[in-house]
Structures are given as C-alpha cells and as structure tokens.
Amino acid sequence: MKRIIKLTEAQFDKIIERKIVALKSVINEEITDAVLLRKMALKSKFTYGKHIGQTVEEVLRLNYKSYIRNSYYNIEGISFTDDILKIVGIYGNTFDYRIKKPGKKPELGKEINNSLAKHANLGQRAHFKRKLKAKAVGRSIADRKAFSKGNLQSQNQGHR
C-alpha cells in the first residue's frame, strides 16, 4: 500500500538536519559537505534576492523570466521544475540548456540571455541596449531618467 506524505520545505529541512546530526554521532566525524538541492515549483517562495517572499508564479506574472534564468544558472542549490524551465526558455522540444545540479554555469546563462535579446521585438531590443550601455558606465537606467535635463529643470522650478 502506497502512502503519500506531504511536507512543507521547512519540515523537510528539519528532517534532513536531524539525519545529519544522527550521522555525525554514528560516524563520530564532522560532515562538512551536505549538499541540499531545492527544486522550486510555481507555488515556491523566493528566500533570496529582490523578490523575497514572492512565489515563482508571481515573478513570472511580472515577466521577470531573466531573473529566474539567472537564479538557475548562478545559484548551485536552486533548480526549477520542467514546466518553469519551458516557460523561461531553458528547456523545450527542440532545445535543452539544462545543467547538472548542484552546479552553476553563469557564462551559459549570459549567452542564453543575449540570444533571447536578439530575437526580441524592436522596443525590447532598444531597452536591452540602453541597459547594457548603462551597465558599462556603472549606472542603472533609472539614474538616467532621474537626471535628465527636463527632470532637473522641473525640480529647479519647484514643480516637484
């Protein structure tokens, strides 16, 4: 007879910690490399970065696919389910850019982001170019808007 046991991620982490402590006492040595891999689904919440507390589904609704791609390629212990990888453009019927986890390949992530930027429409391409130019200078696009000539004039005139 099969039984299904449902656990939250916090409960699962506590069980793993207990097992590690039990192994330490049995082996009587320190275990230094305990690798935990977190496979995130649509309802999983981010516990890092600028989207702390938001679910993967909310981040996808905000159209931050590049944030999820960057998380996949730059963080060793984070992976996503195959349906999410299809949505963000890492895995599909004709291509497969998945990597072995735990592990990371930031150079592959940059390459994929650049290739997706080439296939974007003209408005998005212009945005990517401005973003890359701002990164090269060491500023963000928001800084450019905040310090535009018209914006500074309106602040000097007391309109803001």
Protein backbone atom coordinates (compact mmCIF):
# COMPACT_ATOMS: atom_id res chain seq x y z
CA MET A 1 0.00 0.00 0.00
CA LYS A 2 1.38 3.39 -1.02
CA ARG A 3 1.11 6.34 1.31
CA ILE A 4 1.57 9.97 0.35
CA ILE A 5 3.16 12.21 2.93
CA LYS A 6 3.01 15.95 2.33
CA LEU A 7 5.68 18.15 3.93
CA THR A 8 6.50 21.82 3.75
CA GLU A 9 10.04 22.82 2.82
CA ALA A 10 10.73 23.89 6.42
CA GLN A 11 9.64 20.50 7.77
CA PHE A 12 11.77 18.73 5.14
CA ASP A 13 14.81 20.85 6.07
CA LYS A 14 14.37 19.95 9.77
CA ILE A 15 14.23 16.23 8.94
CA ILE A 16 17.44 16.50 6.92
CA GLU A 17 19.16 18.42 9.74
CA ARG A 18 18.15 15.70 12.23
CA LYS A 19 19.54 13.00 9.94
CA ILE A 20 22.83 14.89 9.59
CA VAL A 21 23.13 15.20 13.38
CA ALA A 22 22.36 11.47 13.74
CA LEU A 23 25.00 10.61 11.13
CA LYS A 24 27.56 12.77 12.91
CA SER A 25 27.03 10.88 16.14
CA VAL A 26 27.17 7.48 14.42
CA ILE A 27 30.25 8.21 12.34
CA ASN A 28 31.82 10.33 15.07
CA GLU A 29 33.29 12.65 12.44
CA GLU A 30 32.24 16.00 11.15
CA ILE A 31 30.28 16.04 7.93
CA THR A 32 31.37 19.12 6.04
CA ASP A 33 29.73 18.70 2.65
CA ALA A 34 25.99 18.31 2.94
CA VAL A 35 24.50 19.41 -0.38
CA LEU A 36 20.87 20.48 -0.35
CA LEU A 37 19.12 20.98 -3.67
CA ARG A 38 15.92 22.97 -3.71
CA LYS A 39 13.66 22.29 -6.68
CA MET A 40 11.18 25.13 -6.92
CA ALA A 41 7.65 24.84 -8.28
CA LEU A 42 5.18 27.58 -9.20
CA LYS A 43 4.00 27.95 -5.58
CA SER A 44 7.50 28.03 -4.05
CA LYS A 45 8.58 31.32 -2.49
CA PHE A 46 11.92 33.03 -3.06
CA THR A 47 14.04 33.34 0.09
CA TYR A 48 16.79 35.40 -1.56
CA GLY A 49 17.30 38.34 -3.90
CA LYS A 50 15.00 41.22 -4.68
CA HIS A 51 11.87 39.04 -4.83
CA ILE A 52 11.93 37.72 -1.25
CA GLY A 53 8.52 36.41 -0.24
CA GLN A 54 7.13 36.27 -3.78
CA THR A 55 6.24 32.99 -5.44
CA VAL A 56 7.75 31.85 -8.73
CA GLU A 57 4.33 32.28 -10.33
CA GLU A 58 4.15 35.95 -9.23
CA VAL A 59 7.64 36.63 -10.61
CA LEU A 60 6.62 35.05 -13.93
CA ARG A 61 3.46 37.15 -14.00
CA LEU A 62 5.65 40.24 -13.59
CA ASN A 63 7.57 38.98 -16.66
CA TYR A 64 10.94 38.63 -14.88
CA LYS A 65 11.97 35.49 -16.76
CA SER A 66 15.60 36.63 -16.85
CA TYR A 67 15.63 36.72 -13.01
CA ILE A 68 14.61 33.06 -12.91
CA ARG A 69 17.17 32.15 -15.60
CA ASN A 70 19.89 33.97 -13.65
CA SER A 71 18.88 32.15 -10.45
CA TYR A 72 19.04 28.81 -12.26
CA TYR A 73 22.48 29.36 -13.78
CA ASN A 74 24.16 31.31 -10.93
CA ILE A 75 22.99 29.54 -7.75
CA GLU A 76 24.18 25.98 -7.14
CA GLY A 77 21.39 24.70 -4.90
CA ILE A 78 18.41 26.07 -6.81
CA SER A 79 16.60 24.23 -9.58
CA PHE A 80 13.14 24.58 -11.11
CA THR A 81 10.55 22.11 -12.36
CA ASP A 82 10.50 21.34 -16.09
CA ASP A 83 7.33 23.38 -16.72
CA ILE A 84 9.02 26.51 -15.36
CA LEU A 85 12.16 25.80 -17.38
CA LYS A 86 9.98 25.62 -20.52
CA ILE A 87 8.34 28.97 -19.73
CA VAL A 88 11.65 30.81 -19.23
CA GLY A 89 13.29 29.31 -22.34
CA ILE A 90 15.83 26.89 -20.86
CA TYR A 91 14.16 23.67 -21.99
CA GLY A 92 11.87 22.88 -24.89
CA ASN A 93 11.01 20.37 -27.62
CA THR A 94 13.92 21.35 -29.88
CA PHE A 95 16.48 22.60 -27.34
CA ASP A 96 17.79 21.70 -23.91
CA TYR A 97 20.05 24.10 -21.98
CA ARG A 98 19.62 22.45 -18.58
CA ILE A 99 22.72 21.95 -16.44
CA LYS A 100 23.60 19.30 -13.89
CA LYS A 101 22.58 20.40 -10.41
CA PRO A 102 24.06 21.11 -7.88
CA GLY A 103 26.26 23.27 -10.05
CA LYS A 104 26.30 26.55 -11.89
CA LYS A 105 27.31 27.94 -15.30
CA PRO A 106 26.95 31.74 -15.38
CA GLU A 107 28.56 32.03 -18.83
CA LEU A 108 25.81 29.83 -20.36
CA GLY A 109 23.17 31.99 -18.67
CA LYS A 110 24.64 35.17 -20.19
CA GLU A 111 24.80 33.51 -23.61
CA ILE A 112 21.14 32.46 -23.44
CA ASN A 113 20.00 35.92 -22.26
CA ASN A 114 21.89 37.52 -25.17
CA SER A 115 20.43 35.10 -27.71
CA LEU A 116 16.90 35.75 -26.40
CA ALA A 117 17.54 39.51 -26.57
CA LYS A 118 18.44 39.18 -30.28
CA HIS A 119 15.04 37.64 -31.03
CA ALA A 120 13.06 40.28 -29.10
CA ASN A 121 10.97 42.94 -30.84
CA LEU A 122 12.44 46.39 -31.59
CA GLY A 123 11.18 48.09 -28.41
CA GLN A 124 12.59 45.40 -26.17
CA ARG A 125 15.87 45.37 -28.11
CA ALA A 126 16.29 49.12 -27.57
CA HIS A 127 15.65 48.60 -23.84
CA PHE A 128 18.34 45.87 -23.71
CA LYS A 129 20.83 48.16 -25.50
CA ARG A 130 20.17 51.01 -23.04
CA LYS A 131 20.52 48.59 -20.14
CA LEU A 132 23.86 47.22 -21.41
CA LYS A 133 25.16 50.75 -22.04
CA ALA A 134 24.14 51.85 -18.54
CA LYS A 135 25.86 48.77 -17.06
CA ALA A 136 29.06 49.62 -18.91
CA VAL A 137 29.01 53.14 -17.45
CA GLY A 138 28.17 51.80 -13.98
CA ARG A 139 24.68 53.25 -13.60
CA SER A 140 21.15 51.98 -13.90
CA ILE A 141 18.55 53.12 -16.45
CA ALA A 142 16.58 54.72 -13.61
CA ASP A 143 19.53 57.05 -12.90
CA ARG A 144 19.45 58.26 -16.50
CA LYS A 145 15.77 59.21 -16.22
CA ALA A 146 16.17 60.85 -12.81
CA PHE A 147 18.98 63.12 -14.02
CA SER A 148 17.56 64.06 -17.42
CA LYS A 149 17.61 67.73 -18.38
CA GLY A 150 13.82 68.13 -18.24
CA ASN A 151 13.56 66.38 -14.88
CA LEU A 152 16.25 68.58 -13.31
CA GLN A 153 14.64 71.75 -14.76
CA SER A 154 11.27 70.85 -13.25
CA GLN A 155 12.90 70.23 -9.86
CA ASN A 156 14.67 73.62 -10.03
CA GLN A 157 11.40 75.35 -10.86
CA GLY A 158 9.75 73.84 -7.79
CA HIS A 159 7.33 71.60 -9.67
CA ARG A 160 8.22 68.53 -7.65
